Amino acid sequence: MEQRHIIYFIIAMAATFVLTVLILKWLIPKLRSLKMGQTILDIGPRWHKSKEGTPTMGGLSFLVAMSVVILTVGIAAVITDNHAWAAKFFITYGMALCYALIGIWDDSLKIRKKENEGFSAGQKYLLQFFIAVVYLVAMKLWGGLTTEMYFPYFDKLIDLGPLYYVIATLLITGVVNAVNLTDGIDGLAASVTTVVGGFFAVAAFMAAELPAALISAMTIGGCVGFLVYNFYPARVFMGDTGSLFLGGLVVGLAFLINNPLIILLVGLIYVIEAASVIIQVGCFKLTHKRVFKMAPIHHHFEKCGWGEIKVVAIFSLVTLIVSVVAFFGLMH
């Protein structure tokens, strides 16, 4: 990519970071005054009860910050650069934004009902499925999407035909929900996603994909800015508003670099978190026994005596390691 693209990247990352911090400084007292506090389930770790009432929906901070940056840096880049890439950029951000709207609605229901459940699982998945389908159709029509799926490490590009859309839809909805499950302790989702964003930034520059580079920059800036107030002990939670939005961003980045399956490796922590829930529920229904002390798996490690900072550090380190491994699975 050209030098001006590096400048776009730096500006987008820095601006998103600064705006996220400034918005949170105003938003946290506002959320408290509106009594937008998190409800903690009794079945969770007993020490989490002390967090009840911590403001949630903090994901609005980086959502708004990124939207402002898109309306400035993104549009400026479109005007001054070859804007053939603009459709992919705005379609992918639009998908993430739609997932954030589901999160806003869900968080609002939880707060109104004063319990830790908003939509039913079926309702939420149906909405997520619809957004994934619309995203794929829009990318096909305006973003240059094909039905060829790249298989990392095998260096194979295989045309899957209609099966591509089935796999892609399941991948999108699966990753979005997996990121949502990862958001369970202070700083975890934001820390892991910062590393994932860094991986996609490198991948974007290697593939000369400016849309992916800009979204990666905003993802990094937003997550690091959010950690200023979300790292242990958290003064705000991102809620489904933030976690579903981040899920949409990271899976969208995988499609933007034309390597959607790579998210399963670089996002290994997301995959493990989701798998731990599936295993726990499945085994309990079949045998009435639990595999983990609690699921998602970050709570299992908490109940094994790990502190929240240790869980975040180890999970982030694992993400960094698999990101290095995933680097060798990028299309050459």
C-alpha atoms as a PDB file:
ATOM      1  CA  MET A   1       0.000   0.000   0.000  1.00  0.00           C
ATOM      2  CA  GLU A   2       1.036   3.589  -0.549  1.00  0.00           C
ATOM      3  CA  GLN A   3       2.310   6.005   2.085  1.00  0.00           C
ATOM      4  CA  ARG A   4      -1.010   7.852   2.298  1.00  0.00           C
ATOM      5  CA  HIS A   5      -2.716   4.584   3.230  1.00  0.00           C
ATOM      6  CA  ILE A   6      -0.378   4.255   6.220  1.00  0.00           C
ATOM      7  CA  ILE A   7      -1.371   7.795   7.195  1.00  0.00           C
ATOM      8  CA  TYR A   8      -5.077   6.878   6.910  1.00  0.00           C
ATOM      9  CA  PHE A   9      -4.393   3.857   9.148  1.00  0.00           C
ATOM     10  CA  ILE A  10      -2.588   5.848  11.856  1.00  0.00           C
ATOM     11  CA  ILE A  11      -5.173   8.641  11.869  1.00  0.00           C
ATOM     12  CA  ALA A  12      -8.078   6.173  12.020  1.00  0.00           C
ATOM     13  CA  MET A  13      -6.515   4.242  14.927  1.00  0.00           C
ATOM     14  CA  ALA A  14      -5.491   7.308  16.929  1.00  0.00           C
ATOM     15  CA  ALA A  15      -8.763   9.156  16.361  1.00  0.00           C
ATOM     16  CA  THR A  16     -10.849   6.130  17.372  1.00  0.00           C
ATOM     17  CA  PHE A  17      -8.768   5.674  20.535  1.00  0.00           C
ATOM     18  CA  VAL A  18      -9.061   9.314  21.614  1.00  0.00           C
ATOM     19  CA  LEU A  19     -12.768   9.556  20.819  1.00  0.00           C
ATOM     20  CA  THR A  20     -13.542   6.296  22.651  1.00  0.00           C
ATOM     21  CA  VAL A  21     -11.802   7.513  25.808  1.00  0.00           C
ATOM     22  CA  LEU A  22     -13.492  10.930  25.674  1.00  0.00           C
ATOM     23  CA  ILE A  23     -16.923   9.451  25.011  1.00  0.00           C
ATOM     24  CA  LEU A  24     -16.538   6.977  27.885  1.00  0.00           C
ATOM     25  CA  LYS A  25     -15.554   9.760  30.262  1.00  0.00           C
ATOM     26  CA  TRP A  26     -18.947  11.336  29.550  1.00  0.00           C
ATOM     27  CA  LEU A  27     -20.907   8.114  29.008  1.00  0.00           C
ATOM     28  CA  ILE A  28     -20.123   6.232  32.242  1.00  0.00           C
ATOM     29  CA  PRO A  29     -21.710   8.848  34.588  1.00  0.00           C
ATOM     30  CA  LYS A  30     -24.619   9.131  32.137  1.00  0.00           C
ATOM     31  CA  LEU A  31     -25.224   5.356  32.196  1.00  0.00           C
ATOM     32  CA  ARG A  32     -25.053   5.399  35.998  1.00  0.00           C
ATOM     33  CA  SER A  33     -27.597   8.211  36.227  1.00  0.00           C
ATOM     34  CA  LEU A  34     -29.927   6.269  33.935  1.00  0.00           C
ATOM     35  CA  LYS A  35     -29.404   3.144  36.095  1.00  0.00           C
ATOM     36  CA  MET A  36     -28.105   1.176  33.088  1.00  0.00           C
ATOM     37  CA  GLY A  37     -26.374  -1.359  35.329  1.00  0.00           C
ATOM     38  CA  GLN A  38     -25.397  -4.975  34.685  1.00  0.00           C
ATOM     39  CA  THR A  39     -27.381  -7.743  36.358  1.00  0.00           C
ATOM     40  CA  ILE A  40     -25.178 -10.624  37.543  1.00  0.00           C
ATOM     41  CA  LEU A  41     -26.534 -14.184  37.520  1.00  0.00           C
ATOM     42  CA  ASP A  42     -26.557 -16.034  40.862  1.00  0.00           C
ATOM     43  CA  ILE A  43     -25.093 -19.120  39.141  1.00  0.00           C
ATOM     44  CA  GLY A  44     -21.904 -17.232  38.277  1.00  0.00           C
ATOM     45  CA  PRO A  45     -18.747 -16.922  40.381  1.00  0.00           C
ATOM     46  CA  ARG A  46     -19.835 -15.471  43.740  1.00  0.00           C
ATOM     47  CA  TRP A  47     -17.191 -12.706  43.571  1.00  0.00           C
ATOM     48  CA  HIS A  48     -18.820 -11.349  40.421  1.00  0.00           C
ATOM     49  CA  LYS A  49     -21.807 -10.239  42.505  1.00  0.00           C
ATOM     50  CA  SER A  50     -19.796  -7.205  43.576  1.00  0.00           C
ATOM     51  CA  LYS A  51     -19.896  -6.055  39.935  1.00  0.00           C
ATOM     52  CA  GLU A  52     -23.677  -5.818  39.852  1.00  0.00           C
ATOM     53  CA  GLY A  53     -24.770  -2.344  38.884  1.00  0.00           C
ATOM     54  CA  THR A  54     -21.602  -1.598  36.884  1.00  0.00           C
ATOM     55  CA  PRO A  55     -22.755   0.406  33.838  1.00  0.00           C
ATOM     56  CA  THR A  56     -23.245  -1.674  30.723  1.00  0.00           C
ATOM     57  CA  MET A  57     -23.755  -0.762  27.041  1.00  0.00           C
ATOM     58  CA  GLY A  58     -20.295   0.850  27.121  1.00  0.00           C
ATOM     59  CA  GLY A  59     -19.756  -0.528  23.629  1.00  0.00           C
ATOM     60  CA  LEU A  60     -21.658   2.536  22.463  1.00  0.00           C
ATOM     61  CA  SER A  61     -18.402   4.447  23.009  1.00  0.00           C
ATOM     62  CA  PHE A  62     -16.305   2.745  20.328  1.00  0.00           C
ATOM     63  CA  LEU A  63     -19.354   2.280  18.106  1.00  0.00           C
ATOM     64  CA  VAL A  64     -19.914   6.055  18.029  1.00  0.00           C
ATOM     65  CA  ALA A  65     -16.168   6.750  17.802  1.00  0.00           C
ATOM     66  CA  MET A  66     -15.769   4.469  14.790  1.00  0.00           C
ATOM     67  CA  SER A  67     -18.831   5.939  13.113  1.00  0.00           C
ATOM     68  CA  VAL A  68     -17.395   9.448  13.476  1.00  0.00           C
ATOM     69  CA  VAL A  69     -14.045   8.302  12.092  1.00  0.00           C
ATOM     70  CA  ILE A  70     -15.758   6.627   9.148  1.00  0.00           C
ATOM     71  CA  LEU A  71     -17.607   9.841   8.353  1.00  0.00           C
ATOM     72  CA  THR A  72     -14.293  11.710   8.278  1.00  0.00           C
ATOM     73  CA  VAL A  73     -11.298   9.524   7.441  1.00  0.00           C
ATOM     74  CA  GLY A  74     -13.343   7.019   5.439  1.00  0.00           C
ATOM     75  CA  ILE A  75     -15.111   9.586   3.291  1.00  0.00           C
ATOM     76  CA  ALA A  76     -11.905  11.596   2.854  1.00  0.00           C
ATOM     77  CA  ALA A  77     -10.153   8.461   1.662  1.00  0.00           C
ATOM     78  CA  VAL A  78     -12.958   7.755  -0.796  1.00  0.00           C
ATOM     79  CA  ILE A  79     -12.781  11.291  -2.198  1.00  0.00           C
ATOM     80  CA  THR A  80      -9.005  11.464  -2.516  1.00  0.00           C
ATOM     81  CA  ASP A  81      -8.286   7.859  -3.443  1.00  0.00           C
ATOM     82  CA  ASN A  82      -9.505   5.254  -5.894  1.00  0.00           C
ATOM     83  CA  HIS A  83     -12.903   4.533  -4.331  1.00  0.00           C
ATOM     84  CA  ALA A  84     -13.490   1.140  -5.916  1.00  0.00           C
ATOM     85  CA  TRP A  85     -12.929  -0.366  -2.461  1.00  0.00           C
ATOM     86  CA  ALA A  86     -15.542   1.839  -0.746  1.00  0.00           C
ATOM     87  CA  ALA A  87     -18.476  -0.544  -1.203  1.00  0.00           C
ATOM     88  CA  LYS A  88     -16.723  -3.387   0.660  1.00  0.00           C
ATOM     89  CA  PHE A  89     -15.703  -0.984   3.412  1.00  0.00           C
ATOM     90  CA  PHE A  90     -19.166   0.410   4.093  1.00  0.00           C
ATOM     91  CA  ILE A  91     -21.000  -2.911   3.599  1.00  0.00           C
ATOM     92  CA  THR A  92     -18.751  -4.630   6.154  1.00  0.00           C
ATOM     93  CA  TYR A  93     -19.046  -1.802   8.656  1.00  0.00           C
ATOM     94  CA  GLY A  94     -22.809  -1.805   8.048  1.00  0.00           C
ATOM     95  CA  MET A  95     -22.997  -5.493   8.963  1.00  0.00           C
ATOM     96  CA  ALA A  96     -21.171  -4.858  12.250  1.00  0.00           C
ATOM     97  CA  LEU A  97     -23.461  -1.922  12.944  1.00  0.00           C
ATOM     98  CA  CYS A  98     -26.542  -4.083  12.417  1.00  0.00           C
ATOM     99  CA  TYR A  99     -25.203  -6.607  14.923  1.00  0.00           C
ATOM    100  CA  ALA A 100     -24.620  -3.730  17.346  1.00  0.00           C
ATOM    101  CA  LEU A 101     -28.281  -2.716  16.963  1.00  0.00           C
ATOM    102  CA  ILE A 102     -29.306  -6.233  18.022  1.00  0.00           C
ATOM    103  CA  GLY A 103     -27.011  -5.803  21.027  1.00  0.00           C
ATOM    104  CA  ILE A 104     -28.490  -2.419  21.933  1.00  0.00           C
ATOM    105  CA  TRP A 105     -31.994  -3.865  21.785  1.00  0.00           C
ATOM    106  CA  ASP A 106     -30.954  -6.927  23.805  1.00  0.00           C
ATOM    107  CA  ASP A 107     -29.137  -4.890  26.467  1.00  0.00           C
ATOM    108  CA  SER A 108     -32.141  -2.577  26.784  1.00  0.00           C
ATOM    109  CA  LEU A 109     -34.452  -5.547  27.364  1.00  0.00           C
ATOM    110  CA  LYS A 110     -32.124  -6.936  30.046  1.00  0.00           C
ATOM    111  CA  ILE A 111     -32.024  -3.624  31.891  1.00  0.00           C
ATOM    112  CA  ARG A 112     -35.796  -3.132  31.657  1.00  0.00           C
ATOM    113  CA  LYS A 113     -36.483  -6.693  32.866  1.00  0.00           C
ATOM    114  CA  LYS A 114     -33.680  -6.440  35.482  1.00  0.00           C
ATOM    115  CA  GLU A 115     -32.277  -9.832  34.540  1.00  0.00           C
ATOM    116  CA  ASN A 116     -29.376 -11.129  32.476  1.00  0.00           C
ATOM    117  CA  GLU A 117     -31.470 -12.307  29.535  1.00  0.00           C
ATOM    118  CA  GLY A 118     -33.026 -10.242  26.764  1.00  0.00           C
ATOM    119  CA  PHE A 119     -33.936 -11.951  23.499  1.00  0.00           C
ATOM    120  CA  SER A 120     -34.420 -15.698  23.444  1.00  0.00           C
ATOM    121  CA  ALA A 121     -31.568 -17.588  21.782  1.00  0.00           C
ATOM    122  CA  GLY A 122     -33.811 -18.382  18.827  1.00  0.00           C
ATOM    123  CA  GLN A 123     -34.896 -14.785  18.292  1.00  0.00           C
ATOM    124  CA  LYS A 124     -31.329 -13.522  18.478  1.00  0.00           C
ATOM    125  CA  TYR A 125     -29.994 -16.134  16.071  1.00  0.00           C
ATOM    126  CA  LEU A 126     -32.761 -15.514  13.542  1.00  0.00           C
ATOM    127  CA  LEU A 127     -31.858 -11.819  13.423  1.00  0.00           C
ATOM    128  CA  GLN A 128     -28.154 -12.622  13.182  1.00  0.00           C
ATOM    129  CA  PHE A 129     -28.801 -15.128  10.379  1.00  0.00           C
ATOM    130  CA  PHE A 130     -30.779 -12.536   8.415  1.00  0.00           C
ATOM    131  CA  ILE A 131     -27.999  -9.945   8.729  1.00  0.00           C
ATOM    132  CA  ALA A 132     -25.381 -12.491   7.586  1.00  0.00           C
ATOM    133  CA  VAL A 133     -27.441 -13.347   4.501  1.00  0.00           C
ATOM    134  CA  VAL A 134     -27.971  -9.674   3.630  1.00  0.00           C
ATOM    135  CA  TYR A 135     -24.230  -9.036   4.069  1.00  0.00           C
ATOM    136  CA  LEU A 136     -23.278 -11.856   1.707  1.00  0.00           C
ATOM    137  CA  VAL A 137     -25.830 -10.755  -0.905  1.00  0.00           C
ATOM    138  CA  ALA A 138     -24.615  -7.150  -0.705  1.00  0.00           C
ATOM    139  CA  MET A 139     -20.973  -8.234  -0.984  1.00  0.00           C
ATOM    140  CA  LYS A 140     -21.853 -10.403  -3.975  1.00  0.00           C
ATOM    141  CA  LEU A 141     -23.607  -7.511  -5.738  1.00  0.00           C
ATOM    142  CA  TRP A 142     -21.250  -4.642  -4.868  1.00  0.00           C
ATOM    143  CA  GLY A 143     -18.182  -6.006  -3.062  1.00  0.00           C
ATOM    144  CA  GLY A 144     -16.814  -8.486  -5.550  1.00  0.00           C
ATOM    145  CA  LEU A 145     -17.561 -11.579  -3.458  1.00  0.00           C
ATOM    146  CA  THR A 146     -17.115 -14.908  -5.256  1.00  0.00           C
ATOM    147  CA  THR A 147     -17.939 -18.465  -4.196  1.00  0.00           C
ATOM    148  CA  GLU A 148     -14.252 -19.409  -4.092  1.00  0.00           C
ATOM    149  CA  MET A 149     -13.078 -20.328  -0.588  1.00  0.00           C
ATOM    150  CA  TYR A 150      -9.395 -20.189   0.246  1.00  0.00           C
ATOM    151  CA  PHE A 151      -8.112 -23.007   2.473  1.00  0.00           C
ATOM    152  CA  PRO A 152      -5.127 -21.796   4.524  1.00  0.00           C
ATOM    153  CA  TYR A 153      -1.954 -23.922   4.603  1.00  0.00           C
ATOM    154  CA  PHE A 154      -3.216 -26.110   1.748  1.00  0.00           C
ATOM    155  CA  ASP A 155      -2.877 -23.104  -0.588  1.00  0.00           C
ATOM    156  CA  LYS A 156      -6.089 -24.183  -2.317  1.00  0.00           C
ATOM    157  CA  LEU A 157      -8.767 -21.912  -3.754  1.00  0.00           C
ATOM    158  CA  ILE A 158     -11.882 -24.042  -4.291  1.00  0.00           C
ATOM    159  CA  ASP A 159     -15.129 -22.917  -5.881  1.00  0.00           C
ATOM    160  CA  LEU A 160     -17.810 -24.222  -3.518  1.00  0.00           C
ATOM    161  CA  GLY A 161     -20.764 -22.864  -5.458  1.00  0.00           C
ATOM    162  CA  PRO A 162     -23.952 -22.494  -3.338  1.00  0.00           C
ATOM    163  CA  LEU A 163     -22.255 -24.345  -0.447  1.00  0.00           C
ATOM    164  CA  TYR A 164     -20.053 -21.268   0.018  1.00  0.00           C
ATOM    165  CA  TYR A 165     -23.026 -19.242   1.265  1.00  0.00           C
ATOM    166  CA  VAL A 166     -24.036 -21.942   3.745  1.00  0.00           C
ATOM    167  CA  ILE A 167     -20.524 -22.118   5.200  1.00  0.00           C
ATOM    168  CA  ALA A 168     -20.129 -18.330   5.173  1.00  0.00           C
ATOM    169  CA  THR A 169     -23.447 -17.748   6.967  1.00  0.00           C
ATOM    170  CA  LEU A 170     -22.615 -20.284   9.672  1.00  0.00           C
ATOM    171  CA  LEU A 171     -19.137 -18.776  10.016  1.00  0.00           C
ATOM    172  CA  ILE A 172     -20.441 -15.224  10.424  1.00  0.00           C
ATOM    173  CA  THR A 173     -23.138 -16.065  12.970  1.00  0.00           C
ATOM    174  CA  GLY A 174     -20.830 -18.467  14.807  1.00  0.00           C
ATOM    175  CA  VAL A 175     -18.013 -15.943  15.208  1.00  0.00           C
ATOM    176  CA  VAL A 176     -20.366 -13.129  16.245  1.00  0.00           C
ATOM    177  CA  ASN A 177     -21.838 -15.307  19.011  1.00  0.00           C
ATOM    178  CA  ALA A 178     -18.400 -16.596  20.029  1.00  0.00           C
ATOM    179  CA  VAL A 179     -17.087 -13.045  20.561  1.00  0.00           C
ATOM    180  CA  ASN A 180     -20.243 -12.331  22.574  1.00  0.00           C
ATOM    181  CA  LEU A 181     -19.479 -15.331  24.842  1.00  0.00           C
ATOM    182  CA  THR A 182     -15.873 -14.173  25.278  1.00  0.00           C
ATOM    183  CA  ASP A 183     -17.095 -10.963  26.903  1.00  0.00           C
ATOM    184  CA  GLY A 184     -17.454 -12.366  30.413  1.00  0.00           C
ATOM    185  CA  ILE A 185     -14.714 -10.868  32.574  1.00  0.00           C
ATOM    186  CA  ASP A 186     -13.051  -7.468  32.805  1.00  0.00           C
ATOM    187  CA  GLY A 187     -11.012  -6.621  29.723  1.00  0.00           C
ATOM    188  CA  LEU A 188     -11.115 -10.062  28.103  1.00  0.00           C
ATOM    189  CA  ALA A 189     -13.042  -9.444  24.867  1.00  0.00           C
ATOM    190  CA  ALA A 190     -11.364  -6.085  24.249  1.00  0.00           C
ATOM    191  CA  SER A 191      -7.841  -7.455  24.913  1.00  0.00           C
ATOM    192  CA  VAL A 192      -8.231 -10.526  22.708  1.00  0.00           C
ATOM    193  CA  THR A 193      -9.855  -8.464  19.945  1.00  0.00           C
ATOM    194  CA  THR A 194      -7.023  -5.911  20.058  1.00  0.00           C
ATOM    195  CA  VAL A 195      -4.589  -8.715  19.164  1.00  0.00           C
ATOM    196  CA  VAL A 196      -6.937 -10.058  16.479  1.00  0.00           C
ATOM    197  CA  GLY A 197      -7.221  -6.537  15.054  1.00  0.00           C
ATOM    198  CA  GLY A 198      -3.428  -6.318  14.952  1.00  0.00           C
ATOM    199  CA  PHE A 199      -3.238  -9.556  12.971  1.00  0.00           C
ATOM    200  CA  PHE A 200      -5.754  -8.314  10.423  1.00  0.00           C
ATOM    201  CA  ALA A 201      -3.893  -5.011  10.121  1.00  0.00           C
ATOM    202  CA  VAL A 202      -0.745  -6.916   9.073  1.00  0.00           C
ATOM    203  CA  ALA A 203      -2.803  -9.123   6.739  1.00  0.00           C
ATOM    204  CA  ALA A 204      -4.514  -6.080   5.207  1.00  0.00           C
ATOM    205  CA  PHE A 205      -1.221  -4.364   4.390  1.00  0.00           C
ATOM    206  CA  MET A 206       0.167  -7.591   2.925  1.00  0.00           C
ATOM    207  CA  ALA A 207      -2.904  -7.967   0.710  1.00  0.00           C
ATOM    208  CA  ALA A 208      -3.074  -4.215  -0.070  1.00  0.00           C
ATOM    209  CA  GLU A 209      -6.671  -4.163   1.204  1.00  0.00           C
ATOM    210  CA  LEU A 210      -7.339  -0.613   2.388  1.00  0.00           C
ATOM    211  CA  PRO A 211     -10.901  -1.358   3.657  1.00  0.00           C
ATOM    212  CA  ALA A 212      -9.530  -4.075   5.955  1.00  0.00           C
ATOM    213  CA  ALA A 213      -6.644  -1.833   7.063  1.00  0.00           C
ATOM    214  CA  LEU A 214      -8.997   0.993   8.082  1.00  0.00           C
ATOM    215  CA  ILE A 215     -11.420  -1.295   9.931  1.00  0.00           C
ATOM    216  CA  SER A 216      -8.470  -2.988  11.674  1.00  0.00           C
ATOM    217  CA  ALA A 217      -7.157   0.412  12.738  1.00  0.00           C
ATOM    218  CA  MET A 218     -10.516   1.409  14.196  1.00  0.00           C
ATOM    219  CA  THR A 219     -10.907  -1.960  15.923  1.00  0.00           C
ATOM    220  CA  ILE A 220      -7.520  -1.615  17.623  1.00  0.00           C
ATOM    221  CA  GLY A 221      -8.102   2.027  18.589  1.00  0.00           C
ATOM    222  CA  GLY A 222     -11.607   1.357  19.901  1.00  0.00           C
ATOM    223  CA  CYS A 223     -10.617  -1.694  21.949  1.00  0.00           C
ATOM    224  CA  VAL A 224      -7.543  -0.073  23.512  1.00  0.00           C
ATOM    225  CA  GLY A 225      -9.562   3.059  24.286  1.00  0.00           C
ATOM    226  CA  PHE A 226     -12.250   0.922  25.900  1.00  0.00           C
ATOM    227  CA  LEU A 227      -9.660  -0.911  28.015  1.00  0.00           C
ATOM    228  CA  VAL A 228      -8.791   2.386  29.720  1.00  0.00           C
ATOM    229  CA  TYR A 229     -12.081   1.986  31.605  1.00  0.00           C
ATOM    230  CA  ASN A 230     -12.762  -1.750  31.153  1.00  0.00           C
ATOM    231  CA  PHE A 231      -9.505  -3.315  32.366  1.00  0.00           C
ATOM    232  CA  TYR A 232      -9.768  -4.884  35.827  1.00  0.00           C
ATOM    233  CA  PRO A 233     -11.445  -3.557  37.893  1.00  0.00           C
ATOM    234  CA  ALA A 234     -13.865  -2.520  35.155  1.00  0.00           C
ATOM    235  CA  ARG A 235     -15.761   0.733  35.484  1.00  0.00           C
ATOM    236  CA  VAL A 236     -17.936  -0.132  32.503  1.00  0.00           C
ATOM    237  CA  PHE A 237     -18.949  -3.218  30.507  1.00  0.00           C
ATOM    238  CA  MET A 238     -19.375  -3.249  26.723  1.00  0.00           C
ATOM    239  CA  GLY A 239     -22.550  -5.349  26.858  1.00  0.00           C
ATOM    240  CA  ASP A 240     -23.967  -7.167  23.848  1.00  0.00           C
ATOM    241  CA  THR A 241     -23.897  -3.753  22.172  1.00  0.00           C
ATOM    242  CA  GLY A 242     -20.117  -3.882  22.001  1.00  0.00           C
ATOM    243  CA  SER A 243     -19.415  -7.612  21.770  1.00  0.00           C
ATOM    244  CA  LEU A 244     -21.789  -8.259  18.859  1.00  0.00           C
ATOM    245  CA  PHE A 245     -20.377  -5.203  17.092  1.00  0.00           C
ATOM    246  CA  LEU A 246     -16.798  -6.457  17.547  1.00  0.00           C
ATOM    247  CA  GLY A 247     -17.859  -9.901  16.362  1.00  0.00           C
ATOM    248  CA  GLY A 248     -19.218  -8.396  13.164  1.00  0.00           C
ATOM    249  CA  LEU A 249     -16.007  -6.423  12.637  1.00  0.00           C
ATOM    250  CA  VAL A 250     -13.551  -9.311  13.072  1.00  0.00           C
ATOM    251  CA  VAL A 251     -15.463 -11.777  10.908  1.00  0.00           C
ATOM    252  CA  GLY A 252     -15.952  -9.040   8.307  1.00  0.00           C
ATOM    253  CA  LEU A 253     -12.196  -8.476   8.286  1.00  0.00           C
ATOM    254  CA  ALA A 254     -11.657 -12.141   7.419  1.00  0.00           C
ATOM    255  CA  PHE A 255     -13.909 -11.746   4.382  1.00  0.00           C
ATOM    256  CA  LEU A 256     -12.231  -8.481   3.374  1.00  0.00           C
ATOM    257  CA  ILE A 257      -8.839 -10.179   3.086  1.00  0.00           C
ATOM    258  CA  ASN A 258     -10.490 -13.041   1.135  1.00  0.00           C
ATOM    259  CA  ASN A 259      -9.478 -15.578   3.762  1.00  0.00           C
ATOM    260  CA  PRO A 260     -12.626 -16.164   5.876  1.00  0.00           C
ATOM    261  CA  LEU A 261     -11.497 -19.478   7.399  1.00  0.00           C
ATOM    262  CA  ILE A 262      -8.421 -17.830   8.974  1.00  0.00           C
ATOM    263  CA  ILE A 263     -10.690 -16.362  11.681  1.00  0.00           C
ATOM    264  CA  LEU A 264     -11.069 -19.878  13.125  1.00  0.00           C
ATOM    265  CA  LEU A 265      -7.337 -19.868  13.918  1.00  0.00           C
ATOM    266  CA  VAL A 266      -6.605 -16.262  14.789  1.00  0.00           C
ATOM    267  CA  GLY A 267      -9.847 -16.208  16.776  1.00  0.00           C
ATOM    268  CA  LEU A 268      -9.074 -19.516  18.496  1.00  0.00           C
ATOM    269  CA  ILE A 269     -10.015 -18.122  21.906  1.00  0.00           C
ATOM    270  CA  TYR A 270     -13.450 -17.185  20.546  1.00  0.00           C
ATOM    271  CA  VAL A 271     -13.811 -20.720  19.172  1.00  0.00           C
ATOM    272  CA  ILE A 272     -12.760 -22.331  22.474  1.00  0.00           C
ATOM    273  CA  GLU A 273     -15.174 -20.125  24.430  1.00  0.00           C
ATOM    274  CA  ALA A 274     -18.092 -21.128  22.190  1.00  0.00           C
ATOM    275  CA  ALA A 275     -17.043 -24.799  22.117  1.00  0.00           C
ATOM    276  CA  SER A 276     -16.877 -24.919  25.925  1.00  0.00           C
ATOM    277  CA  VAL A 277     -20.525 -23.834  26.139  1.00  0.00           C
ATOM    278  CA  ILE A 278     -21.633 -26.352  23.499  1.00  0.00           C
ATOM    279  CA  ILE A 279     -19.722 -29.181  25.223  1.00  0.00           C
ATOM    280  CA  GLN A 280     -21.017 -28.227  28.664  1.00  0.00           C
ATOM    281  CA  VAL A 281     -24.662 -28.035  27.594  1.00  0.00           C
ATOM    282  CA  GLY A 282     -24.467 -31.135  25.389  1.00  0.00           C
ATOM    283  CA  CYS A 283     -22.796 -33.328  28.029  1.00  0.00           C
ATOM    284  CA  PHE A 284     -25.139 -32.169  30.765  1.00  0.00           C
ATOM    285  CA  LYS A 285     -28.195 -32.989  28.670  1.00  0.00           C
ATOM    286  CA  LEU A 286     -26.820 -36.432  27.784  1.00  0.00           C
ATOM    287  CA  THR A 287     -25.158 -37.485  31.054  1.00  0.00           C
ATOM    288  CA  HIS A 288     -26.279 -34.890  33.663  1.00  0.00           C
ATOM    289  CA  LYS A 289     -22.584 -34.286  34.329  1.00  0.00           C
ATOM    290  CA  ARG A 290     -20.533 -31.167  33.692  1.00  0.00           C
ATOM    291  CA  VAL A 291     -17.171 -31.176  31.908  1.00  0.00           C
ATOM    292  CA  PHE A 292     -16.146 -27.738  33.181  1.00  0.00           C
ATOM    293  CA  LYS A 293     -16.684 -26.134  36.569  1.00  0.00           C
ATOM    294  CA  MET A 294     -18.515 -23.422  34.659  1.00  0.00           C
ATOM    295  CA  ALA A 295     -18.869 -22.327  31.039  1.00  0.00           C
ATOM    296  CA  PRO A 296     -17.782 -20.313  29.105  1.00  0.00           C
ATOM    297  CA  ILE A 297     -14.301 -21.580  29.844  1.00  0.00           C
ATOM    298  CA  HIS A 298     -12.934 -18.315  31.277  1.00  0.00           C
ATOM    299  CA  HIS A 299     -15.226 -18.909  34.279  1.00  0.00           C
ATOM    300  CA  HIS A 300     -13.835 -22.456  34.619  1.00  0.00           C
ATOM    301  CA  PHE A 301     -10.337 -21.027  35.046  1.00  0.00           C
ATOM    302  CA  GLU A 302     -11.655 -18.469  37.520  1.00  0.00           C
ATOM    303  CA  LYS A 303     -13.133 -21.285  39.602  1.00  0.00           C
ATOM    304  CA  CYS A 304      -9.749 -23.043  39.364  1.00  0.00           C
ATOM    305  CA  GLY A 305      -8.247 -20.048  41.176  1.00  0.00           C
ATOM    306  CA  TRP A 306      -7.056 -17.842  38.296  1.00  0.00           C
ATOM    307  CA  GLY A 307      -7.538 -14.114  38.797  1.00  0.00           C
ATOM    308  CA  GLU A 308      -9.205 -12.099  36.045  1.00  0.00           C
ATOM    309  CA  ILE A 309      -5.950 -10.384  35.064  1.00  0.00           C
ATOM    310  CA  LYS A 310      -4.246 -13.771  34.675  1.00  0.00           C
ATOM    311  CA  VAL A 311      -7.077 -15.096  32.477  1.00  0.00           C
ATOM    312  CA  VAL A 312      -6.927 -12.009  30.262  1.00  0.00           C
ATOM    313  CA  ALA A 313      -3.124 -12.155  30.014  1.00  0.00           C
ATOM    314  CA  ILE A 314      -3.016 -15.879  29.139  1.00  0.00           C
ATOM    315  CA  PHE A 315      -5.895 -15.713  26.654  1.00  0.00           C
ATOM    316  CA  SER A 316      -4.334 -12.664  24.969  1.00  0.00           C
ATOM    317  CA  LEU A 317      -0.949 -14.401  24.823  1.00  0.00           C
ATOM    318  CA  VAL A 318      -2.557 -17.478  23.243  1.00  0.00           C
ATOM    319  CA  THR A 319      -4.191 -15.187  20.682  1.00  0.00           C
ATOM    320  CA  LEU A 320      -0.836 -13.583  19.920  1.00  0.00           C
ATOM    321  CA  ILE A 321       0.786 -17.004  19.415  1.00  0.00           C
ATOM    322  CA  VAL A 322      -1.953 -18.300  17.101  1.00  0.00           C
ATOM    323  CA  SER A 323      -1.824 -14.980  15.221  1.00  0.00           C
ATOM    324  CA  VAL A 324       1.834 -15.659  14.431  1.00  0.00           C
ATOM    325  CA  VAL A 325       0.899 -19.176  13.297  1.00  0.00           C
ATOM    326  CA  ALA A 326      -2.019 -17.771  11.275  1.00  0.00           C
ATOM    327  CA  PHE A 327       0.384 -15.414   9.518  1.00  0.00           C
ATOM    328  CA  PHE A 328       1.743 -18.403   7.611  1.00  0.00           C
ATOM    329  CA  GLY A 329      -1.770 -19.292   6.491  1.00  0.00           C
ATOM    330  CA  LEU A 330      -2.285 -16.034   4.635  1.00  0.00           C
ATOM    331  CA  MET A 331      -2.731 -16.200   0.889  1.00  0.00           C
ATOM    332  CA  HIS A 332       0.551 -15.479  -0.901  1.00  0.00           C
END
